């Protein structure tokens, strides 16, 4: 169904974000199940934010008649944050806050309906672990002693910035540039310097990001805004980078499997602070195999377009958020998730030396390296940071590496280089 939403006064950013988010099938299935379990609705109280989003999604699919846009009214009432009470705001920010609201209210629903919601690893979140949640590893590696320090985070979308990567023209170029190894600033020192003590190692470091877990729904945000302080006027100037960035209808360069396009959020305007938001979303696949998309601009008539008419220069210059959904895996032996990455349950992991300290070794990185495919983190011997009570012993052990340890470091570096150069076997689309 091609059902738009009325503009209640500078709410195009809400309408476009909702069209992109609520037309994703995995989320719709969750919202439909939530409606049947929600304790707030069962008690007859005002609808929770998840129920509001569910009703809005049902109306977009022609299953429910609504008066206007209840989600936009709730946003103006401050239920999604004080920043949306008045004026036009950033659509990607509202998209992120809407997802955070869904995840936050999931606890209430699941605790009331599922007895073993809290297991040995804590609360189980469907949305953050099985729909949107990625697992991002940020690694710092010392060139001198090969010590690495890893920090983990679970973002709901991947963010790129054109201000820091000006010479790219395709989404794949953005992706590869974002996840390649880079020389760290001079202020970034060896992890042993911070965890063991001063004077241990002052080597230069490299940094790299690894997408350890690729989600079911992949949201990609492209920041096009820039700002610069004008010393003459004493004001901050802001603008928008309208570089043409091509994106495919089908992603085939990710590690675990292909993804298909389900929505494009565009910002039409010359500056990031003003303009109009629209969303182009997948509607259906015809018998001939052609995908059809609808472009939603508030409650205006929705044109239906094939891919070759959607993939225009203006869209490539203005796209702001992309929504992709997983469409299978390259190899059924590829597995991801908390069961393969137990370290994801903690806030971070870090390394103090490349050897194995008795009682402190962990297997972080092995899950990704077992698959031996592009995009996984190298299988270095990662050692967890010891508690403060072991700091004295670590300081005593910190010194020159033995010949066996040096050989081990060399083998790890060679193995990591092989993984980086490995090419994923071609799979027919």
Protein backbone atom coordinates (compact mmCIF):
# COMPACT_ATOMS: atom_id res chain seq x y z
CA UNK A 1 0.00 0.00 0.00
CA UNK A 2 1.22 3.51 -0.84
CA UNK A 3 -0.07 5.43 2.18
CA UNK A 4 1.65 8.66 3.17
CA UNK A 5 1.40 10.75 6.34
CA UNK A 6 0.27 14.36 6.71
CA UNK A 7 2.74 17.06 7.65
CA UNK A 8 1.75 18.60 11.00
CA UNK A 9 4.13 21.52 10.54
CA UNK A 10 7.82 20.82 9.86
CA UNK A 11 7.35 17.11 10.56
CA UNK A 12 8.61 15.85 7.21
CA UNK A 13 11.69 14.48 9.00
CA UNK A 14 9.43 12.31 11.17
CA UNK A 15 7.33 11.13 8.22
CA UNK A 16 10.34 10.17 6.11
CA UNK A 17 12.08 8.38 8.99
CA UNK A 18 8.92 6.40 9.79
CA UNK A 19 8.41 5.36 6.16
CA UNK A 20 11.97 4.04 6.04
CA UNK A 21 11.82 2.30 9.43
CA UNK A 22 8.31 0.85 9.55
CA UNK A 23 8.35 -0.67 6.07
CA UNK A 24 11.15 -3.05 7.07
CA UNK A 25 9.52 -6.49 7.34
CA UNK A 26 11.59 -7.89 10.27
CA UNK A 27 10.60 -4.90 12.40
CA UNK A 28 6.94 -5.15 11.35
CA UNK A 29 6.81 -8.77 12.54
CA UNK A 30 8.20 -7.71 15.92
CA UNK A 31 5.74 -4.82 16.23
CA UNK A 32 2.80 -7.06 15.38
CA UNK A 33 3.88 -9.55 18.05
CA UNK A 34 4.38 -6.75 20.60
CA UNK A 35 0.79 -5.60 20.21
CA UNK A 36 -0.42 -8.98 21.41
CA UNK A 37 1.88 -9.03 24.47
CA UNK A 38 1.97 -5.38 25.55
CA UNK A 39 0.92 -5.05 29.22
CA UNK A 40 0.23 -1.31 28.78
CA UNK A 41 -2.45 -1.87 26.14
CA UNK A 42 -3.91 -4.80 28.08
CA UNK A 43 -4.36 -2.56 31.13
CA UNK A 44 -6.24 0.04 29.08
CA UNK A 45 -3.65 2.79 29.60
CA UNK A 46 -2.55 5.20 26.84
CA UNK A 47 -0.60 3.39 24.15
CA UNK A 48 3.13 3.00 24.64
CA UNK A 49 5.50 4.29 21.96
CA UNK A 50 5.96 0.81 20.51
CA UNK A 51 2.19 0.43 20.09
CA UNK A 52 2.03 3.85 18.43
CA UNK A 53 4.70 2.77 15.95
CA UNK A 54 2.88 -0.52 15.40
CA UNK A 55 -0.40 1.25 14.63
CA UNK A 56 1.40 3.63 12.29
CA UNK A 57 3.00 0.70 10.48
CA UNK A 58 -0.39 -1.04 10.17
CA UNK A 59 -1.92 2.15 8.73
CA UNK A 60 0.92 2.38 6.19
CA UNK A 61 0.05 -1.15 5.08
CA UNK A 62 -3.66 -0.30 4.77
CA UNK A 63 -4.68 -2.48 7.73
CA UNK A 64 -5.78 0.35 10.01
CA UNK A 65 -7.37 3.78 9.67
CA UNK A 66 -5.69 6.56 11.64
CA UNK A 67 -6.45 10.22 12.11
CA UNK A 68 -3.30 11.97 10.94
CA UNK A 69 0.06 10.81 12.31
CA UNK A 70 -0.11 9.81 16.01
CA UNK A 71 3.66 9.28 16.18
CA UNK A 72 4.33 12.85 15.02
CA UNK A 73 1.89 14.17 17.63
CA UNK A 74 3.61 12.10 20.31
CA UNK A 75 6.97 13.49 19.19
CA UNK A 76 5.64 17.05 19.45
CA UNK A 77 4.45 16.17 22.97
CA UNK A 78 8.02 15.24 23.89
CA UNK A 79 7.56 11.46 24.15
CA UNK A 80 10.56 10.82 21.88
CA UNK A 81 12.73 13.53 23.43
CA UNK A 82 12.67 17.24 24.15
CA UNK A 83 14.44 18.04 20.88
CA UNK A 84 11.39 17.21 18.76
CA UNK A 85 8.82 19.44 20.46
CA UNK A 86 9.07 22.15 17.80
CA UNK A 87 10.75 22.89 14.49
CA UNK A 88 12.46 20.61 12.01
CA UNK A 89 15.17 18.29 13.27
CA UNK A 90 17.52 15.72 11.86
CA UNK A 91 15.70 12.68 10.45
CA UNK A 92 18.57 10.29 11.26
CA UNK A 93 18.55 11.45 14.89
CA UNK A 94 14.82 10.79 15.15
CA UNK A 95 15.31 7.41 13.50
CA UNK A 96 17.90 6.48 16.13
CA UNK A 97 15.75 7.73 19.00
CA UNK A 98 12.76 5.76 17.71
CA UNK A 99 14.86 2.57 17.66
CA UNK A 100 16.15 3.34 21.17
CA UNK A 101 12.54 3.79 22.34
CA UNK A 102 11.62 0.40 20.90
CA UNK A 103 14.57 -1.30 22.58
CA UNK A 104 13.88 0.44 25.89
CA UNK A 105 10.24 -0.66 25.97
CA UNK A 106 11.09 -4.20 24.94
CA UNK A 107 12.19 -4.94 28.52
CA UNK A 108 8.74 -4.17 29.95
CA UNK A 109 6.97 -6.36 27.42
CA UNK A 110 9.30 -9.33 27.62
CA UNK A 111 9.62 -9.34 31.41
CA UNK A 112 5.84 -9.54 31.73
CA UNK A 113 5.37 -12.33 29.18
CA UNK A 114 8.55 -14.46 29.18
CA UNK A 115 9.65 -16.08 32.41
CA UNK A 116 13.30 -16.66 31.44
CA UNK A 117 13.81 -13.24 29.85
CA UNK A 118 16.82 -12.67 32.10
CA UNK A 119 19.33 -15.45 31.49
CA UNK A 120 22.96 -16.02 32.43
CA UNK A 121 24.06 -13.26 30.04
CA UNK A 122 21.53 -10.71 31.22
CA UNK A 123 18.42 -9.50 29.43
CA UNK A 124 17.81 -10.84 25.93
CA UNK A 125 17.00 -8.11 23.43
CA UNK A 126 15.40 -9.16 20.17
CA UNK A 127 15.86 -5.83 18.42
CA UNK A 128 19.44 -5.07 19.45
CA UNK A 129 20.70 -8.63 18.94
CA UNK A 130 18.65 -10.03 16.07
CA UNK A 131 17.24 -7.11 14.07
CA UNK A 132 19.36 -3.92 14.15
CA UNK A 133 22.29 -4.62 16.42
CA UNK A 134 25.79 -4.79 14.95
CA UNK A 135 28.96 -5.65 16.82
CA UNK A 136 31.78 -3.21 16.15
CA UNK A 137 35.32 -3.85 17.32
CA UNK A 138 37.71 -0.88 17.56
CA UNK A 139 41.33 -2.04 17.63
CA UNK A 140 44.55 -0.20 18.47
CA UNK A 141 47.74 -2.08 17.52
CA UNK A 142 51.30 -1.16 18.43
CA UNK A 143 53.81 -1.48 15.58
CA UNK A 144 56.75 -2.08 17.93
CA UNK A 145 55.52 -4.80 20.30
CA UNK A 146 52.34 -5.96 18.47
CA UNK A 147 50.19 -5.38 21.54
CA UNK A 148 46.54 -4.80 20.68
CA UNK A 149 43.67 -3.20 22.59
CA UNK A 150 40.08 -3.93 21.59
CA UNK A 151 36.92 -2.07 22.54
CA UNK A 152 33.48 -3.32 21.64
CA UNK A 153 30.26 -1.45 20.94
CA UNK A 154 26.89 -2.44 19.52
CA UNK A 155 25.58 0.39 17.30
CA UNK A 156 22.20 0.20 15.63
CA UNK A 157 23.56 1.64 12.39
CA UNK A 158 26.86 2.26 10.60
CA UNK A 159 27.86 5.90 10.13
CA UNK A 160 30.13 7.37 7.46
CA UNK A 161 31.17 11.00 7.00
CA UNK A 162 31.94 12.69 3.70
CA UNK A 163 33.85 15.42 5.52
CA UNK A 164 36.58 12.91 6.44
CA UNK A 165 36.46 10.83 3.23
CA UNK A 166 36.16 13.36 0.39
CA UNK A 167 37.53 11.28 -2.51
CA UNK A 168 35.01 8.45 -2.69
CA UNK A 169 32.27 7.87 -5.24
CA UNK A 170 30.65 4.56 -4.28
CA UNK A 171 29.24 2.97 -1.15
CA UNK A 172 31.80 0.18 -1.41
CA UNK A 173 34.63 2.74 -1.40
CA UNK A 174 33.13 4.30 1.73
CA UNK A 175 32.88 0.89 3.39
CA UNK A 176 36.41 -0.24 2.59
CA UNK A 177 37.91 3.10 3.59
CA UNK A 178 36.04 3.04 6.90
CA UNK A 179 37.18 -0.46 7.85
CA UNK A 180 40.81 -0.37 6.68
CA UNK A 181 43.81 0.00 8.96
CA UNK A 182 44.92 3.61 9.49
CA UNK A 183 47.90 5.26 11.13
CA UNK A 184 46.83 6.57 14.52
CA UNK A 185 47.58 10.16 15.63
CA UNK A 186 50.80 10.71 17.55
CA UNK A 187 48.77 11.15 20.73
CA UNK A 188 47.67 7.50 20.50
CA UNK A 189 50.25 5.42 22.36
CA UNK A 190 50.85 1.72 22.89
CA UNK A 191 48.16 0.06 25.06
CA UNK A 192 50.87 -1.23 27.40
CA UNK A 193 51.78 2.37 28.14
CA UNK A 194 48.33 2.93 29.68
CA UNK A 195 47.62 -0.44 31.28
CA UNK A 196 51.03 -1.48 32.65
CA UNK A 197 52.95 1.71 33.31
CA UNK A 198 54.96 4.55 31.84
CA UNK A 199 58.14 3.80 29.99
CA UNK A 200 57.18 0.26 28.95
CA UNK A 201 56.66 0.95 25.26
CA UNK A 202 56.33 4.17 23.28
CA UNK A 203 55.64 2.66 19.88
CA UNK A 204 53.47 4.18 17.16
CA UNK A 205 50.03 2.67 16.72
CA UNK A 206 47.56 1.80 13.98
CA UNK A 207 43.79 1.75 14.38
CA UNK A 208 41.18 -0.34 12.62
CA UNK A 209 37.46 -1.08 12.85
CA UNK A 210 35.96 -4.53 12.33
CA UNK A 211 32.30 -5.29 11.86
CA UNK A 212 32.25 -8.54 13.84
CA UNK A 213 28.51 -9.09 13.54
CA UNK A 214 26.47 -8.03 10.53
CA UNK A 215 22.82 -7.43 11.48
CA UNK A 216 19.61 -8.59 9.84
CA UNK A 217 18.63 -4.98 9.09
CA UNK A 218 21.62 -2.87 8.07
CA UNK A 219 21.11 0.89 8.42
CA UNK A 220 23.81 3.09 6.86
CA UNK A 221 23.95 6.80 7.64
CA UNK A 222 25.98 9.20 5.51
CA UNK A 223 26.79 12.49 7.21
CA UNK A 224 26.93 15.17 4.52
CA UNK A 225 27.07 18.25 6.72
CA UNK A 226 30.18 20.31 7.42
CA UNK A 227 30.93 23.24 9.66
CA UNK A 228 33.82 25.70 9.90
CA UNK A 229 34.58 28.57 12.24
CA UNK A 230 35.07 31.91 10.46
CA UNK A 231 37.61 33.92 12.44
CA UNK A 232 36.70 37.17 10.69
CA UNK A 233 32.99 37.08 11.44
CA UNK A 234 33.33 35.01 14.59
CA UNK A 235 30.53 32.71 13.42
CA UNK A 236 30.30 29.03 12.56
CA UNK A 237 29.49 28.41 8.92
CA UNK A 238 27.61 25.24 7.98
CA UNK A 239 26.91 23.57 4.68
CA UNK A 240 26.14 20.31 2.92
CA UNK A 241 28.39 18.13 0.76
CA UNK A 242 26.38 17.00 -2.27
CA UNK A 243 28.97 14.54 -3.59
CA UNK A 244 27.41 11.85 -5.75
CA UNK A 245 27.74 8.49 -3.97
CA UNK A 246 26.47 5.48 -5.92
CA UNK A 247 24.82 2.66 -4.00
CA UNK A 248 23.66 -0.74 -5.32
CA UNK A 249 20.28 -2.37 -5.16
CA UNK A 250 22.00 -5.48 -3.87
CA UNK A 251 25.06 -5.45 -1.58
CA UNK A 252 27.46 -8.25 -2.46
CA UNK A 253 30.69 -7.15 -0.76
CA UNK A 254 29.86 -7.93 2.87
CA UNK A 255 31.43 -10.79 4.76
CA UNK A 256 28.51 -13.03 5.66
CA UNK A 257 26.05 -12.66 2.80
CA UNK A 258 24.12 -10.44 0.39
CA UNK A 259 21.74 -7.64 1.37
CA UNK A 260 18.89 -6.12 -0.64
CA UNK A 261 17.78 -2.48 -0.60
CA UNK A 262 14.57 -1.69 1.24
CA UNK A 263 14.63 2.09 1.60
CA UNK A 264 16.43 5.36 0.91
CA UNK A 265 16.02 8.49 3.04
CA UNK A 266 16.87 11.70 1.19
CA UNK A 267 17.46 15.25 2.31
CA UNK A 268 16.58 17.71 -0.44
CA UNK A 269 18.20 21.08 0.10
CA UNK A 270 21.45 23.03 -0.21
CA UNK A 271 22.25 23.15 3.52
CA UNK A 272 22.01 20.56 6.26
CA UNK A 273 19.93 22.86 8.48
CA UNK A 274 17.03 23.35 6.11
CA UNK A 275 15.27 21.51 3.33
CA UNK A 276 12.79 18.67 2.91
CA UNK A 277 13.00 14.97 3.75
CA UNK A 278 11.52 12.24 1.55
CA UNK A 279 11.80 8.45 1.62
CA UNK A 280 11.82 5.96 -1.24
CA UNK A 281 10.85 2.47 -0.04
CA UNK A 282 10.57 -0.97 -1.59
CA UNK A 283 6.95 -1.94 -2.26
CA UNK A 284 6.88 -5.24 -4.09
CA UNK A 285 8.59 -7.49 -6.58
CA UNK A 286 6.78 -8.12 -9.83
CA UNK A 287 6.49 -11.48 -11.57
CA UNK A 288 9.15 -10.43 -14.07
CA UNK A 289 11.63 -9.99 -11.21
CA UNK A 290 11.61 -6.18 -11.22
CA UNK A 291 11.48 -4.38 -7.87
CA UNK A 292 9.12 -1.42 -7.50
CA UNK A 293 9.69 1.48 -5.11
CA UNK A 294 7.44 4.26 -3.87
CA UNK A 295 8.68 7.78 -3.10
CA UNK A 296 6.89 9.21 -0.04
CA UNK A 297 6.76 12.97 0.47
CA UNK A 298 4.36 13.52 3.38
CA UNK A 299 0.80 12.76 2.17
CA UNK A 300 1.35 13.63 -1.49
CA UNK A 301 0.57 11.16 -4.26
CA UNK A 302 3.13 8.36 -4.26
CA UNK A 303 4.80 7.60 -7.61
CA UNK A 304 5.80 3.97 -8.22
CA UNK A 305 9.25 3.61 -9.76
CA UNK A 306 11.48 0.74 -10.92
CA UNK A 307 15.10 0.71 -9.81
CA UNK A 308 16.53 2.35 -12.93
CA UNK A 309 14.23 5.37 -12.42
CA UNK A 310 14.94 5.59 -8.69
CA UNK A 311 18.70 5.39 -9.16
CA UNK A 312 19.11 8.94 -10.45
CA UNK A 313 21.84 11.50 -9.96
CA UNK A 314 19.73 13.63 -7.62
CA UNK A 315 19.10 10.64 -5.34
CA UNK A 316 22.81 9.72 -5.35
CA UNK A 317 23.65 13.30 -4.36
CA UNK A 318 21.03 13.59 -1.60
CA UNK A 319 20.72 10.17 0.02
CA UNK A 320 21.22 10.30 3.72
CA UNK A 321 20.23 6.91 5.18
CA UNK A 322 20.03 3.51 3.46
CA UNK A 323 18.14 0.48 4.78
CA UNK A 324 19.25 -2.97 3.63
CA UNK A 325 17.89 -6.37 4.73
CA UNK A 326 19.86 -9.60 4.73
CA UNK A 327 19.01 -11.88 1.80
CA UNK A 328 20.80 -15.11 2.73
CA UNK A 329 24.40 -16.10 3.52
CA UNK A 330 27.37 -16.96 1.36
CA UNK A 331 28.07 -20.13 3.31
CA UNK A 332 25.79 -21.84 5.81
CA UNK A 333 28.87 -22.53 7.92
CA UNK A 334 29.11 -18.83 8.67
CA UNK A 335 27.64 -18.20 12.11
CA UNK A 336 27.47 -15.07 14.18
CA UNK A 337 25.85 -13.82 17.32
CA UNK A 338 26.42 -13.79 21.07
CA UNK A 339 27.05 -17.53 21.18
CA UNK A 340 30.16 -17.08 18.99
CA UNK A 341 31.32 -13.79 20.52
CA UNK A 342 30.93 -14.09 24.31
CA UNK A 343 33.13 -11.03 24.90
CA UNK A 344 30.36 -8.87 23.44
CA UNK A 345 28.55 -9.07 26.76
CA UNK A 346 31.19 -6.90 28.43
CA UNK A 347 31.87 -3.21 27.88
CA UNK A 348 35.29 -3.75 26.31
CA UNK A 349 38.32 -5.98 26.01
CA UNK A 350 41.91 -4.87 25.84
CA UNK A 351 45.36 -6.38 25.55
CA UNK A 352 48.48 -5.69 27.55
CA UNK A 353 50.93 -7.99 25.74
CA UNK A 354 50.90 -10.48 22.85
CA UNK A 355 51.68 -13.53 25.00
CA UNK A 356 49.20 -15.51 27.06
CA UNK A 357 49.06 -14.66 30.75
CA UNK A 358 48.00 -17.59 32.87
CA UNK A 359 44.34 -17.35 33.83
CA UNK A 360 43.66 -14.24 31.73
CA UNK A 361 43.44 -15.54 28.18
CA UNK A 362 40.26 -15.11 26.20
CA UNK A 363 39.22 -16.21 22.71
CA UNK A 364 38.05 -12.86 21.37
CA UNK A 365 38.55 -12.73 17.63
CA UNK A 366 38.61 -16.48 17.08
CA UNK A 367 34.95 -16.60 16.03
CA UNK A 368 35.50 -14.20 13.18
CA UNK A 369 38.87 -15.64 12.19
CA UNK A 370 37.55 -19.22 12.02
CA UNK A 371 35.53 -18.29 8.96
CA UNK A 372 38.64 -16.96 7.24
CA UNK A 373 36.76 -14.48 5.11
CA UNK A 374 37.19 -10.84 4.33
CA UNK A 375 36.07 -8.36 6.97
CA UNK A 376 36.77 -10.48 10.04
CA UNK A 377 39.25 -9.37 12.65
CA UNK A 378 42.72 -11.01 12.63
CA UNK A 379 43.06 -13.87 15.06
CA UNK A 380 45.73 -12.30 17.24
CA UNK A 381 46.30 -13.80 20.67
CA UNK A 382 44.07 -11.41 22.56
CA UNK A 383 44.58 -11.10 26.30
CA UNK A 384 42.04 -9.51 28.59
CA UNK A 385 43.11 -6.66 30.83
CA UNK A 386 43.83 -7.97 34.28
CA UNK A 387 42.22 -6.46 37.40
CA UNK A 388 44.01 -3.79 39.36
CA UNK A 389 45.24 -6.29 41.95
CA UNK A 390 47.42 -7.94 39.28
CA UNK A 391 48.98 -4.69 38.08
CA UNK A 392 52.18 -5.23 40.08
CA UNK A 393 52.76 -8.68 38.59
CA UNK A 394 52.07 -7.41 35.07
CA UNK A 395 54.52 -4.58 35.57
CA UNK A 396 57.18 -7.07 36.67
CA UNK A 397 56.55 -9.27 33.65
CA UNK A 398 56.58 -6.37 31.19
CA UNK A 399 59.96 -6.36 29.48
CA UNK A 400 61.72 -7.75 26.43
CA UNK A 401 59.87 -10.50 24.62
CA UNK A 402 61.42 -13.95 24.49
CA UNK A 403 62.42 -15.50 21.18
CA UNK A 404 59.37 -17.76 21.29
CA UNK A 405 57.08 -14.79 21.85
CA UNK A 406 58.73 -12.82 19.03
CA UNK A 407 58.19 -15.79 16.72
CA UNK A 408 54.58 -15.98 17.80
CA UNK A 409 54.07 -12.28 17.07
CA UNK A 410 55.59 -12.71 13.61
CA UNK A 411 53.29 -15.66 12.88
CA UNK A 412 50.24 -13.68 14.03
CA UNK A 413 51.17 -10.76 11.80
CA UNK A 414 51.64 -13.04 8.80
CA UNK A 415 48.32 -14.77 9.48
CA UNK A 416 46.55 -11.43 9.86
CA UNK A 417 48.01 -10.25 6.55
CA UNK A 418 46.76 -13.41 4.84
CA UNK A 419 43.24 -12.80 6.15
CA UNK A 420 43.28 -9.19 4.94
CA UNK A 421 44.33 -10.26 1.46
CA UNK A 422 41.96 -13.20 1.23
CA UNK A 423 39.23 -12.73 -1.30
CA UNK A 424 35.72 -14.02 -0.79
CA UNK A 425 34.93 -16.75 -3.37
CA UNK A 426 32.59 -15.51 -6.03
CA UNK A 427 28.97 -16.53 -5.51
CA UNK A 428 26.47 -16.33 -8.37
CA UNK A 429 23.70 -13.80 -7.68
